[in-house]
């Protein structure tokens, strides 16, 4: 008989347990860790799962197969080429810029030889000759932070370097270097050699340029002028022998990025970046008088021997306010002067009357007692003054190899109306006839115009680069008689013999000249000092222009002094220039 007992919540049958009699419930389960899947009943993977995994791995296979096909078949050649390139390194071989030479093949700008560390040559210039604004400067190739060039050219920034950049630059070469996986050079070869730039040959004479620059610089520095410059030009073909601008910058400093020096240039009120001879605009003063005299002779306003009384002032009654007559002054009384003597002594009264005319009042007219009693004189008038000045190229830019040359200004009624919203008056004509008022010229314009007086009326565009333009290529003839040109040349020679340019008188060679002192501003305490002319007088070869900017009006040393310094040098060092 079986004895059934219940002990500790379990049913036991006798002393033995029959596995079939065990009933599992939550109280008698073994101590399984279900989080580790213990005690779970294993189930077979379903067919759907197997199919899904099969599709997934098939898709992966198809993607990889497609990619392999793309790399090996469709774009195999492209990636093969890239693979080869990944084992090659490309190095630029920089071309040297062309040199710049003077007319005698003296180098003015050149390349310093590169050492084993330098990848390109550096540019260097002669810096003591006043040509920095003519040369300009260059910008060197630049690398990024990874060491790759993002600017691969030595490029001209200003002046001739910029204007003729394509001609001077040349073309860089290329070196291909083979490297291994460790970036070690295996082999190298040059596949494309550089082509160096072409040389520029200038009309400038280095020796003349340096002496001219030194004389102008010395006069400026020692006599309180703000700056200055000058031009020497061949009157027969337009070749520029010298083109000085002072002060100037140092082209080498700009090439090298000398920030301290560059900042000093930027803060310099004298503006050393300005090419004064081509871009500077200046009041000309009395150097305009030869052109006014030529116009008056050609138009029959005066005859060569006609004399006009030149006192120290000319009073013109004011019809609107008799108590305030207009007074036009001269620097001294010259007495009776004809056109030659008027040029030699630079008489303002003479040119007031020749330019604007003079009409005496009758005793019955208001203001009769106030006027200066001169003989009646026909004047050119502002229209004819402007017409003749334009014949000589004033108010028109000079065609000089791409430089930013200025037009300048010839004052006229339209200009005054536009500028001041005012009407033109007789006094405006008077002042224009002596190179004052709103008159503005560039020194290179003056050189071109003086050349036309020297050569008998041919306007020749200046030339400074010999490579591209023949001498005297651009010419036009001014319709003025040779007799009248000769009279003006005689007057300019008289200025040297007994007039305002006596400081340029030499016993062994002859110069013809015209001086000018242009008053500046309303206070007139500053002046521009000019000296212009040509030499030799008997057979003109060269014309010259010197201007000194913003000096003290009380200073008696100016353009003539700078010219004298140059001609003193030329007598002993360049006598062939003076043709003796």
Protein backbone atom coordinates (compact mmCIF):
# COMPACT_ATOMS: atom_id res chain seq x y z
CA UNK A 1 0.00 0.00 0.00
CA UNK A 2 1.35 3.27 -0.96
CA UNK A 3 1.72 5.84 1.57
CA UNK A 4 1.17 9.35 0.33
CA UNK A 5 2.88 12.20 2.23
CA UNK A 6 3.14 15.88 1.71
CA UNK A 7 6.37 17.32 2.94
CA UNK A 8 7.52 20.92 2.44
CA UNK A 9 4.89 21.51 -0.17
CA UNK A 10 5.96 18.53 -2.27
CA UNK A 11 4.19 15.13 -2.79
CA UNK A 12 6.33 12.11 -2.26
CA UNK A 13 5.34 8.48 -2.90
CA UNK A 14 7.02 6.11 -0.59
CA UNK A 15 10.78 6.55 -0.71
CA UNK A 16 11.18 6.69 -4.51
CA UNK A 17 10.36 9.45 -7.02
CA UNK A 18 9.09 8.51 -10.42
CA UNK A 19 10.07 11.16 -12.96
CA UNK A 20 6.73 10.75 -14.63
CA UNK A 21 5.07 11.76 -11.45
CA UNK A 22 6.91 15.11 -11.21
CA UNK A 23 4.77 18.11 -11.98
CA UNK A 24 6.77 21.30 -12.78
CA UNK A 25 5.47 24.59 -11.60
CA UNK A 26 6.99 27.93 -10.56
CA UNK A 27 7.96 26.49 -7.17
CA UNK A 28 9.94 23.47 -8.22
CA UNK A 29 11.80 24.80 -11.34
CA UNK A 30 15.61 24.38 -11.30
CA UNK A 31 17.75 27.51 -10.62
CA UNK A 32 18.28 28.50 -14.30
CA UNK A 33 19.64 31.87 -15.52
CA UNK A 34 17.09 32.75 -18.11
CA UNK A 35 19.07 35.80 -19.29
CA UNK A 36 21.68 33.38 -20.56
CA UNK A 37 18.97 31.34 -22.31
CA UNK A 38 19.28 28.51 -19.70
CA UNK A 39 16.32 26.27 -19.40
CA UNK A 40 14.89 27.44 -22.71
CA UNK A 41 13.52 24.89 -25.11
CA UNK A 42 15.55 25.06 -28.41
CA UNK A 43 13.56 25.76 -31.51
CA UNK A 44 14.70 25.21 -35.13
CA UNK A 45 15.47 28.32 -37.35
CA UNK A 46 12.51 29.05 -39.45
CA UNK A 47 12.55 28.81 -43.21
CA UNK A 48 11.70 32.50 -43.57
CA UNK A 49 14.74 33.47 -41.60
CA UNK A 50 17.01 31.36 -43.75
CA UNK A 51 15.54 32.88 -46.93
CA UNK A 52 15.95 36.44 -45.52
CA UNK A 53 19.58 35.85 -44.60
CA UNK A 54 20.22 34.37 -48.00
CA UNK A 55 18.77 37.42 -49.73
CA UNK A 56 20.80 39.79 -47.51
CA UNK A 57 24.11 38.09 -48.22
CA UNK A 58 23.26 37.85 -51.88
CA UNK A 59 22.67 41.62 -51.98
CA UNK A 60 26.04 42.26 -50.31
CA UNK A 61 27.71 40.04 -52.88
CA UNK A 62 26.02 41.83 -55.75
CA UNK A 63 27.16 45.24 -54.40
CA UNK A 64 30.75 44.11 -54.02
CA UNK A 65 30.72 42.46 -57.39
CA UNK A 66 29.37 45.63 -58.99
CA UNK A 67 32.01 47.74 -57.30
CA UNK A 68 34.77 45.38 -58.42
CA UNK A 69 33.41 45.48 -61.97
CA UNK A 70 33.35 49.28 -61.86
CA UNK A 71 36.96 49.47 -60.64
CA UNK A 72 38.39 46.77 -62.86
CA UNK A 73 36.34 46.98 -66.03
CA UNK A 74 34.35 50.17 -66.45
CA UNK A 75 36.98 52.59 -65.00
CA UNK A 76 40.00 50.36 -64.94
CA UNK A 77 42.19 52.60 -67.09
CA UNK A 78 41.30 55.72 -65.08
CA UNK A 79 42.22 54.15 -61.76
CA UNK A 80 45.32 52.62 -63.25
CA UNK A 81 46.44 56.11 -64.30
CA UNK A 82 45.64 57.46 -60.86
CA UNK A 83 47.64 54.71 -59.32
CA UNK A 84 50.63 55.66 -61.41
CA UNK A 85 50.19 59.32 -60.52
CA UNK A 86 50.07 58.48 -56.85
CA UNK A 87 53.63 57.27 -57.23
CA UNK A 88 54.76 60.51 -58.96
CA UNK A 89 55.44 63.97 -57.55
CA UNK A 90 55.23 67.07 -59.73
CA UNK A 91 57.63 69.96 -59.07
CA UNK A 92 57.48 73.36 -60.78
CA UNK A 93 60.66 74.67 -62.36
CA UNK A 94 60.26 78.44 -62.29
CA UNK A 95 61.23 80.49 -65.32
CA UNK A 96 63.44 83.54 -64.87
CA UNK A 97 61.96 86.90 -65.82
CA UNK A 98 63.62 88.83 -68.61
CA UNK A 99 66.11 91.52 -67.61
CA UNK A 100 65.61 95.23 -68.23
CA UNK A 101 68.53 97.09 -69.84
CA UNK A 102 69.32 100.72 -70.59
CA UNK A 103 70.17 101.90 -74.12
CA UNK A 104 73.80 100.86 -73.62
CA UNK A 105 72.90 97.36 -72.34
CA UNK A 106 73.58 98.22 -68.70
CA UNK A 107 71.26 96.05 -66.56
CA UNK A 108 68.68 98.05 -64.62
CA UNK A 109 66.60 95.08 -63.41
CA UNK A 110 67.87 91.51 -63.19
CA UNK A 111 67.48 88.14 -61.42
CA UNK A 112 69.68 87.04 -58.54
CA UNK A 113 71.03 83.51 -59.14
CA UNK A 114 69.08 80.98 -57.11
CA UNK A 115 70.94 78.80 -54.60
CA UNK A 116 70.24 75.12 -53.89
CA UNK A 117 67.47 76.02 -51.44
CA UNK A 118 65.67 78.61 -53.56
CA UNK A 119 62.98 77.43 -55.95
CA UNK A 120 62.89 80.67 -57.96
CA UNK A 121 65.13 83.64 -58.62
CA UNK A 122 64.53 86.94 -56.84
CA UNK A 123 64.27 90.28 -58.66
CA UNK A 124 66.64 93.17 -58.07
CA UNK A 125 66.81 96.74 -59.38
CA UNK A 126 69.14 99.67 -59.43
CA UNK A 127 67.61 101.85 -56.75
CA UNK A 128 69.59 105.09 -56.90
CA UNK A 129 68.39 106.49 -60.21
CA UNK A 130 64.78 107.66 -59.76
CA UNK A 131 63.15 104.95 -61.88
CA UNK A 132 61.24 102.93 -59.28
CA UNK A 133 57.83 104.19 -60.40
CA UNK A 134 58.85 103.38 -63.96
CA UNK A 135 59.99 99.83 -63.14
CA UNK A 136 57.28 98.93 -60.63
CA UNK A 137 57.92 95.71 -58.70
CA UNK A 138 56.92 92.02 -58.63
CA UNK A 139 54.95 89.56 -56.53
CA UNK A 140 56.56 86.18 -55.90
CA UNK A 141 54.86 82.71 -56.02
CA UNK A 142 53.00 81.77 -52.82
CA UNK A 143 52.37 78.45 -51.05
CA UNK A 144 49.46 77.33 -48.93
CA UNK A 145 49.82 75.75 -45.47
CA UNK A 146 50.30 72.31 -47.03
CA UNK A 147 53.28 73.52 -49.05
CA UNK A 148 51.54 73.66 -52.43
CA UNK A 149 51.78 76.72 -54.69
CA UNK A 150 48.48 78.50 -55.19
CA UNK A 151 50.22 81.32 -57.08
CA UNK A 152 52.71 79.88 -59.54
CA UNK A 153 54.00 83.00 -61.30
CA UNK A 154 56.40 85.85 -60.59
CA UNK A 155 54.01 88.62 -61.58
CA UNK A 156 54.62 92.30 -62.29
CA UNK A 157 52.59 94.58 -60.03
CA UNK A 158 53.23 98.09 -61.36
CA UNK A 159 55.13 100.04 -63.99
CA UNK A 160 56.98 98.25 -66.78
CA UNK A 161 56.92 95.00 -64.79
CA UNK A 162 53.13 95.02 -65.00
CA UNK A 163 52.66 96.52 -68.46
CA UNK A 164 55.04 93.99 -70.06
CA UNK A 165 54.39 91.13 -67.65
CA UNK A 166 53.55 88.59 -70.36
CA UNK A 167 56.68 89.49 -72.29
CA UNK A 168 58.98 89.39 -69.25
CA UNK A 169 57.47 86.34 -67.53
CA UNK A 170 58.32 83.34 -69.69
CA UNK A 171 56.76 79.92 -68.97
CA UNK A 172 57.44 77.63 -66.02
CA UNK A 173 58.72 74.10 -66.57
CA UNK A 174 57.72 70.84 -64.84
CA UNK A 175 59.78 68.13 -63.15
CA UNK A 176 58.25 64.68 -62.51
CA UNK A 177 59.74 62.74 -59.57
CA UNK A 178 58.96 59.03 -58.97
CA UNK A 179 58.49 58.06 -55.31
CA UNK A 180 57.80 54.80 -53.46
CA UNK A 181 55.30 54.00 -50.70
CA UNK A 182 57.65 55.54 -48.13
CA UNK A 183 57.71 58.82 -50.08
CA UNK A 184 61.33 58.22 -51.00
CA UNK A 185 62.59 59.42 -54.38
CA UNK A 186 63.17 56.51 -56.74
CA UNK A 187 63.94 58.37 -59.93
CA UNK A 188 63.43 61.83 -61.42
CA UNK A 189 63.27 63.34 -64.86
CA UNK A 190 62.43 66.73 -66.38
CA UNK A 191 59.65 66.50 -68.89
CA UNK A 192 59.22 70.21 -69.68
CA UNK A 193 62.06 72.72 -69.37
CA UNK A 194 61.19 76.34 -68.44
CA UNK A 195 61.27 79.10 -71.03
CA UNK A 196 62.76 82.26 -69.56
CA UNK A 197 61.17 85.63 -70.26
CA UNK A 198 62.36 88.07 -72.90
CA UNK A 199 64.49 91.10 -72.10
CA UNK A 200 63.31 94.71 -72.31
CA UNK A 201 65.61 97.34 -73.78
CA UNK A 202 64.93 100.94 -72.79
CA UNK A 203 65.84 104.26 -74.36
CA UNK A 204 67.09 105.46 -70.97
CA UNK A 205 70.80 106.18 -70.54
CA UNK A 206 71.83 104.98 -67.07
CA UNK A 207 74.62 107.51 -66.61
CA UNK A 208 72.43 110.42 -67.70
CA UNK A 209 69.54 109.19 -65.60
CA UNK A 210 71.64 108.91 -62.44
CA UNK A 211 73.25 112.34 -62.86
CA UNK A 212 69.89 113.98 -63.61
CA UNK A 213 68.30 112.26 -60.61
CA UNK A 214 71.16 113.21 -58.28
CA UNK A 215 70.95 116.89 -59.26
CA UNK A 216 67.16 117.07 -58.83
CA UNK A 217 67.27 115.17 -55.52
CA UNK A 218 70.01 117.44 -54.17
CA UNK A 219 68.08 120.61 -55.08
CA UNK A 220 64.85 119.29 -53.56
CA UNK A 221 66.45 118.12 -50.31
CA UNK A 222 68.59 121.20 -49.73
CA UNK A 223 65.98 123.84 -50.55
CA UNK A 224 62.76 122.70 -48.92
CA UNK A 225 60.81 121.43 -51.91
CA UNK A 226 58.33 118.59 -51.43
CA UNK A 227 59.43 116.65 -54.48
CA UNK A 228 60.36 116.98 -58.10
CA UNK A 229 61.26 115.29 -61.31
CA UNK A 230 62.47 115.75 -64.83
CA UNK A 231 62.52 114.57 -68.42
CA UNK A 232 65.18 114.54 -71.13
CA UNK A 233 63.81 113.63 -74.56
CA UNK A 234 65.26 113.29 -78.05
CA UNK A 235 63.47 115.99 -80.07
CA UNK A 236 63.84 114.10 -83.35
CA UNK A 237 62.52 110.67 -82.43
CA UNK A 238 60.85 110.93 -78.99
CA UNK A 239 63.26 108.60 -77.18
CA UNK A 240 63.33 109.33 -73.45
CA UNK A 241 66.91 109.59 -72.24
CA UNK A 242 65.84 110.22 -68.64
CA UNK A 243 62.62 110.15 -66.65
CA UNK A 244 63.08 111.16 -63.00
CA UNK A 245 60.53 111.12 -60.19
CA UNK A 246 61.54 112.00 -56.62
CA UNK A 247 60.88 110.91 -53.91
CA UNK A 248 60.40 107.32 -54.94
CA UNK A 249 60.03 103.94 -53.30
CA UNK A 250 62.57 101.13 -53.25
CA UNK A 251 61.40 98.41 -55.65
CA UNK A 252 63.53 95.80 -53.88
CA UNK A 253 61.80 96.54 -50.57
CA UNK A 254 58.38 96.01 -52.13
CA UNK A 255 59.54 92.78 -53.74
CA UNK A 256 60.83 91.50 -50.41
CA UNK A 257 57.80 92.63 -48.38
CA UNK A 258 59.75 94.95 -46.05
CA UNK A 259 56.70 95.99 -44.02
CA UNK A 260 58.45 98.68 -42.01
CA UNK A 261 59.70 100.43 -45.11
CA UNK A 262 56.43 99.92 -46.98
CA UNK A 263 54.48 101.49 -44.10
CA UNK A 264 56.82 104.47 -44.15
CA UNK A 265 56.01 104.96 -47.84
CA UNK A 266 52.28 104.70 -47.21
CA UNK A 267 52.47 107.31 -44.44
CA UNK A 268 54.72 109.68 -46.39
CA UNK A 269 52.70 112.77 -47.34
CA UNK A 270 54.99 113.30 -50.35
CA UNK A 271 53.52 110.18 -51.98
CA UNK A 272 56.58 108.25 -53.21
CA UNK A 273 54.29 105.90 -55.18
CA UNK A 274 53.34 108.72 -57.59
CA UNK A 275 55.14 108.81 -60.92
CA UNK A 276 55.38 112.58 -60.98
CA UNK A 277 56.51 112.88 -64.59
CA UNK A 278 53.57 110.98 -66.10
CA UNK A 279 50.80 111.14 -63.48
CA UNK A 280 51.53 114.31 -61.50
CA UNK A 281 49.47 117.39 -62.39
CA UNK A 282 51.11 120.75 -61.76
CA UNK A 283 50.46 124.43 -62.40
CA UNK A 284 52.92 125.37 -65.16
CA UNK A 285 53.31 129.12 -64.72
CA UNK A 286 55.46 131.00 -67.22
CA UNK A 287 56.73 127.97 -69.15
CA UNK A 288 53.44 128.31 -71.10
CA UNK A 289 54.42 131.70 -72.50
CA UNK A 290 56.36 130.41 -75.57
CA UNK A 291 53.18 128.70 -76.77
CA UNK A 292 51.06 131.79 -76.22
CA UNK A 293 53.64 133.84 -78.15
CA UNK A 294 53.58 131.34 -81.04
CA UNK A 295 49.79 131.56 -81.22
CA UNK A 296 49.89 135.38 -81.17
CA UNK A 297 52.51 135.51 -83.93
CA UNK A 298 50.69 132.98 -86.10
CA UNK A 299 47.33 134.75 -85.66
CA UNK A 300 48.81 138.17 -86.37
CA UNK A 301 47.90 139.49 -82.92
CA UNK A 302 51.47 140.76 -82.61
CA UNK A 303 54.39 141.19 -84.96
CA UNK A 304 57.91 140.09 -84.01
CA UNK A 305 59.01 143.67 -83.30
CA UNK A 306 55.82 145.00 -81.75
CA UNK A 307 56.63 146.49 -78.33
CA UNK A 308 54.33 146.66 -75.32
CA UNK A 309 54.99 148.67 -72.19
CA UNK A 310 55.66 146.31 -69.32
CA UNK A 311 55.15 147.97 -65.94
CA UNK A 312 54.93 146.27 -62.60
CA UNK A 313 51.14 146.22 -62.62
CA UNK A 314 48.13 146.64 -64.85
CA UNK A 315 44.95 148.11 -63.37
CA UNK A 316 41.61 147.32 -64.99
CA UNK A 317 38.57 149.33 -63.79
CA UNK A 318 35.76 147.36 -62.24
CA UNK A 319 32.48 148.39 -63.93
CA UNK A 320 30.49 146.87 -61.07
CA UNK A 321 32.44 148.51 -58.27
CA UNK A 322 34.70 151.38 -59.32
CA UNK A 323 36.27 151.43 -55.87
CA UNK A 324 37.64 147.92 -56.36
CA UNK A 325 39.56 147.80 -59.64
CA UNK A 326 41.25 144.59 -60.75
CA UNK A 327 45.05 144.66 -60.39
CA UNK A 328 47.25 142.29 -62.41
CA UNK A 329 50.85 142.28 -61.28
CA UNK A 330 54.26 141.51 -62.75
CA UNK A 331 57.36 140.38 -60.91
CA UNK A 332 59.18 143.57 -62.04
CA UNK A 333 58.88 146.45 -64.50
CA UNK A 334 60.60 145.64 -67.81
CA UNK A 335 59.87 148.74 -69.88
CA UNK A 336 59.14 148.38 -73.59
CA UNK A 337 59.47 144.74 -74.67
CA UNK A 338 58.98 142.85 -77.91
CA UNK A 339 58.16 139.14 -78.04
CA UNK A 340 61.78 137.97 -77.72
CA UNK A 341 62.51 140.17 -74.72
CA UNK A 342 59.12 139.35 -73.18
CA UNK A 343 60.10 135.69 -73.25
CA UNK A 344 63.62 136.34 -72.00
CA UNK A 345 62.44 138.45 -69.05
CA UNK A 346 59.14 136.56 -68.59
CA UNK A 347 56.97 139.67 -68.62
CA UNK A 348 53.48 139.04 -67.27
CA UNK A 349 52.07 142.38 -68.52
CA UNK A 350 53.06 141.55 -72.08
CA UNK A 351 51.30 138.19 -72.00
CA UNK A 352 48.23 139.51 -70.17
CA UNK A 353 47.68 141.85 -73.10
CA UNK A 354 48.62 139.39 -75.83
CA UNK A 355 46.38 136.77 -74.26
CA UNK A 356 43.34 138.81 -73.24
CA UNK A 357 43.80 142.14 -74.95
CA UNK A 358 43.63 145.64 -73.55
CA UNK A 359 41.29 148.53 -74.30
CA UNK A 360 41.90 152.01 -72.93
CA UNK A 361 39.01 153.97 -71.48
CA UNK A 362 38.19 157.41 -72.78
CA UNK A 363 38.40 160.34 -70.34
CA UNK A 364 34.62 160.43 -70.12
CA UNK A 365 34.27 156.78 -69.06
CA UNK A 366 34.11 155.75 -65.38
CA UNK A 367 37.40 154.43 -64.10
CA UNK A 368 39.55 156.38 -66.57
CA UNK A 369 41.68 157.82 -63.80
CA UNK A 370 42.22 154.39 -62.25
CA UNK A 371 43.42 152.50 -65.30
CA UNK A 372 47.02 151.96 -66.32
CA UNK A 373 47.42 153.88 -69.56
CA UNK A 374 48.60 151.37 -72.13
CA UNK A 375 48.06 151.39 -75.86
CA UNK A 376 45.17 149.32 -77.08
CA UNK A 377 46.13 145.73 -77.80
CA UNK A 378 44.22 142.94 -79.47
CA UNK A 379 44.23 139.67 -77.53
CA UNK A 380 43.97 136.06 -78.59
CA UNK A 381 40.99 135.33 -76.36
CA UNK A 382 40.47 132.11 -74.49
CA UNK A 383 39.15 130.16 -77.51
CA UNK A 384 42.26 130.69 -79.60
CA UNK A 385 44.50 130.17 -76.57
CA UNK A 386 42.90 126.77 -75.98
CA UNK A 387 43.06 125.90 -79.69
CA UNK A 388 46.81 126.48 -79.92
CA UNK A 389 47.65 124.86 -76.59
CA UNK A 390 45.86 121.73 -77.78
CA UNK A 391 47.96 121.77 -80.96
CA UNK A 392 50.96 121.25 -78.69
CA UNK A 393 49.29 118.42 -76.79
CA UNK A 394 48.19 120.18 -73.62
CA UNK A 395 44.95 118.86 -72.19
CA UNK A 396 45.65 115.51 -73.91
CA UNK A 397 47.35 112.47 -72.41
CA UNK A 398 50.72 111.35 -73.69
CA UNK A 399 50.76 107.95 -75.38
CA UNK A 400 53.56 106.34 -73.37
CA UNK A 401 53.54 102.51 -73.28
CA UNK A 402 50.43 101.99 -71.18
CA UNK A 403 51.27 104.32 -68.30
CA UNK A 404 48.40 106.08 -66.54
CA UNK A 405 49.14 109.47 -68.05
CA UNK A 406 46.84 112.34 -67.17
CA UNK A 407 45.09 114.75 -69.54
CA UNK A 408 45.65 117.88 -67.51
CA UNK A 409 43.42 120.96 -67.73
CA UNK A 410 43.28 124.01 -69.97
CA UNK A 411 40.85 126.40 -68.25
CA UNK A 412 37.95 127.60 -70.40
CA UNK A 413 34.39 128.91 -69.87
CA UNK A 414 32.80 125.44 -69.84
CA UNK A 415 35.35 124.18 -67.32
CA UNK A 416 34.74 127.17 -65.04
CA UNK A 417 30.96 126.80 -65.26
CA UNK A 418 31.16 123.11 -64.42
CA UNK A 419 33.76 123.54 -61.67
CA UNK A 420 32.66 126.78 -59.99
CA UNK A 421 29.22 127.45 -61.50
CA UNK A 422 30.46 130.90 -62.50
CA UNK A 423 30.91 132.93 -65.66
CA UNK A 424 34.22 133.44 -67.46
CA UNK A 425 35.83 136.86 -67.04
CA UNK A 426 38.67 138.77 -68.66
CA UNK A 427 40.91 138.18 -65.67
CA UNK A 428 40.55 134.42 -66.16
CA UNK A 429 41.98 134.81 -69.67
CA UNK A 430 44.86 136.91 -68.33
CA UNK A 431 45.82 134.31 -65.75
CA UNK A 432 45.49 131.42 -68.20
CA UNK A 433 47.86 133.23 -70.60
CA UNK A 434 50.62 133.11 -67.96
CA UNK A 435 49.99 129.49 -66.95
CA UNK A 436 48.05 130.15 -63.74
CA UNK A 437 44.43 129.79 -62.62
CA UNK A 438 43.18 126.21 -63.13
CA UNK A 439 45.89 125.32 -65.64
CA UNK A 440 47.40 121.87 -64.99
CA UNK A 441 49.97 119.90 -66.98
CA UNK A 442 52.11 116.79 -66.60
CA UNK A 443 55.88 117.16 -67.02
CA UNK A 444 55.85 114.61 -69.86
CA UNK A 445 53.32 116.83 -71.72
CA UNK A 446 55.67 119.78 -71.33
CA UNK A 447 58.59 117.74 -72.68
CA UNK A 448 56.58 116.74 -75.74
CA UNK A 449 55.54 120.35 -76.37
CA UNK A 450 59.04 121.85 -75.89
CA UNK A 451 60.36 119.21 -78.31
CA UNK A 452 57.96 120.58 -80.93
CA UNK A 453 59.40 124.08 -80.50
CA UNK A 454 62.92 122.68 -80.84
CA UNK A 455 62.26 120.57 -83.95
CA UNK A 456 60.10 123.07 -85.80
CA UNK A 457 56.60 121.90 -85.07
CA UNK A 458 56.53 118.08 -84.97
CA UNK A 459 54.62 116.49 -82.11
CA UNK A 460 56.33 113.15 -81.45
CA UNK A 461 54.95 110.73 -78.89
CA UNK A 462 57.65 109.74 -76.37
CA UNK A 463 59.10 106.23 -76.35
CA UNK A 464 60.85 104.44 -73.48
CA UNK A 465 60.83 100.76 -74.58
CA UNK A 466 62.73 100.00 -77.77
CA UNK A 467 61.33 96.48 -78.33
CA UNK A 468 57.90 97.27 -79.73
CA UNK A 469 57.82 100.75 -81.22
CA UNK A 470 60.15 102.40 -83.69
CA UNK A 471 61.64 105.79 -82.86
CA UNK A 472 59.51 108.69 -84.08
CA UNK A 473 56.71 106.36 -85.11
CA UNK A 474 53.91 108.68 -83.99
CA UNK A 475 54.22 112.17 -85.43
CA UNK A 476 51.98 115.04 -86.44
CA UNK A 477 52.88 118.42 -87.81
CA UNK A 478 51.69 121.70 -86.28
CA UNK A 479 50.63 124.27 -88.85
CA UNK A 480 52.78 127.20 -87.69
CA UNK A 481 55.40 128.92 -89.83
CA UNK A 482 59.07 128.06 -89.35
CA UNK A 483 59.82 131.78 -89.09
CA UNK A 484 57.64 132.03 -85.99
CA UNK A 485 59.24 128.95 -84.44
CA UNK A 486 62.65 130.54 -84.98
CA UNK A 487 61.55 133.75 -83.24
CA UNK A 488 60.45 131.76 -80.17
CA UNK A 489 63.71 129.80 -80.11
CA UNK A 490 65.58 133.12 -80.22
CA UNK A 491 63.57 134.42 -77.27
CA UNK A 492 64.39 131.28 -75.28
CA UNK A 493 68.07 131.68 -76.12
CA UNK A 494 67.87 135.30 -74.93
CA UNK A 495 66.53 134.03 -71.60
CA UNK A 496 69.86 132.22 -71.12
CA UNK A 497 72.01 135.09 -72.35
CA UNK A 498 70.46 137.90 -70.29
CA UNK A 499 67.11 136.81 -68.90
CA UNK A 500 65.64 134.55 -66.22
CA UNK A 501 67.71 131.50 -67.21
CA UNK A 502 71.15 133.16 -67.03
CA UNK A 503 72.29 130.37 -64.72
CA UNK A 504 72.42 128.06 -67.75
CA UNK A 505 74.89 130.15 -69.73
CA UNK A 506 78.10 128.35 -70.74
CA UNK A 507 80.95 129.50 -72.95
CA UNK A 508 81.53 126.20 -74.71
CA UNK A 509 77.98 125.10 -75.56
CA UNK A 510 74.59 126.79 -75.87
CA UNK A 511 71.22 126.13 -74.30
CA UNK A 512 67.82 127.75 -74.92
CA UNK A 513 65.47 127.82 -71.96
CA UNK A 514 62.32 129.13 -70.34
CA UNK A 515 61.76 129.30 -66.61
CA UNK A 516 58.53 129.35 -64.64
CA UNK A 517 57.41 130.01 -61.10
CA UNK A 518 53.82 128.90 -60.53
CA UNK A 519 52.07 130.30 -57.46
CA UNK A 520 49.98 127.80 -55.52
CA UNK A 521 46.82 128.20 -53.46
CA UNK A 522 45.11 131.32 -52.22
CA UNK A 523 48.00 132.37 -49.96
CA UNK A 524 50.60 131.86 -52.73
CA UNK A 525 53.28 131.10 -50.16
CA UNK A 526 54.26 127.93 -52.04
CA UNK A 527 55.44 127.68 -55.64
CA UNK A 528 56.37 125.16 -58.29
CA UNK A 529 59.71 125.99 -59.89
CA UNK A 530 60.26 125.03 -63.52
CA UNK A 531 63.12 125.05 -66.00
CA UNK A 532 62.54 123.88 -69.57
CA UNK A 533 64.46 124.17 -72.80
CA UNK A 534 66.54 122.41 -75.42
CA UNK A 535 70.18 121.93 -76.41
CA UNK A 536 72.34 122.52 -78.32
CA UNK A 537 70.65 125.75 -79.40
CA UNK A 538 72.07 125.79 -82.93
CA UNK A 539 71.09 122.21 -83.75
CA UNK A 540 68.61 120.94 -81.14
CA UNK A 541 69.00 117.28 -80.15
CA UNK A 542 67.35 117.09 -76.73
CA UNK A 543 64.67 118.92 -74.80
CA UNK A 544 64.60 118.96 -71.01
CA UNK A 545 62.05 119.66 -68.29
CA UNK A 546 62.75 120.08 -64.58
CA UNK A 547 60.06 120.81 -62.01
CA UNK A 548 60.38 121.23 -58.26
CA UNK A 549 57.21 120.93 -56.26
CA UNK A 550 55.82 123.13 -53.44
CA UNK A 551 58.81 125.17 -52.37
CA UNK A 552 58.91 128.40 -50.37
CA UNK A 553 58.22 131.35 -52.65
CA UNK A 554 61.05 133.30 -50.96
CA UNK A 555 63.57 130.68 -52.02
CA UNK A 556 65.61 131.87 -55.01
CA UNK A 557 67.07 128.44 -55.82
CA UNK A 558 64.93 126.24 -58.05
CA UNK A 559 64.72 124.55 -61.42
CA UNK A 560 67.63 126.45 -62.99
CA UNK A 561 69.91 125.34 -60.15
CA UNK A 562 68.96 121.67 -60.66
CA UNK A 563 69.55 122.02 -64.41
CA UNK A 564 72.92 123.68 -63.82
CA UNK A 565 74.04 120.79 -61.65
CA UNK A 566 73.21 118.33 -64.40
CA UNK A 567 74.88 120.29 -67.21
CA UNK A 568 78.01 120.78 -65.09
CA UNK A 569 78.23 116.98 -64.83
CA UNK A 570 77.56 116.47 -68.54
CA UNK A 571 80.36 118.82 -69.62
CA UNK A 572 82.98 116.55 -68.07
CA UNK A 573 81.33 113.13 -68.12
CA UNK A 574 79.09 113.12 -71.21
CA UNK A 575 80.34 115.81 -73.63
CA UNK A 576 78.85 113.96 -76.61
CA UNK A 577 75.42 114.69 -75.13
CA UNK A 578 76.09 118.41 -75.51
CA UNK A 579 77.52 117.98 -79.01
CA UNK A 580 80.82 119.73 -78.45
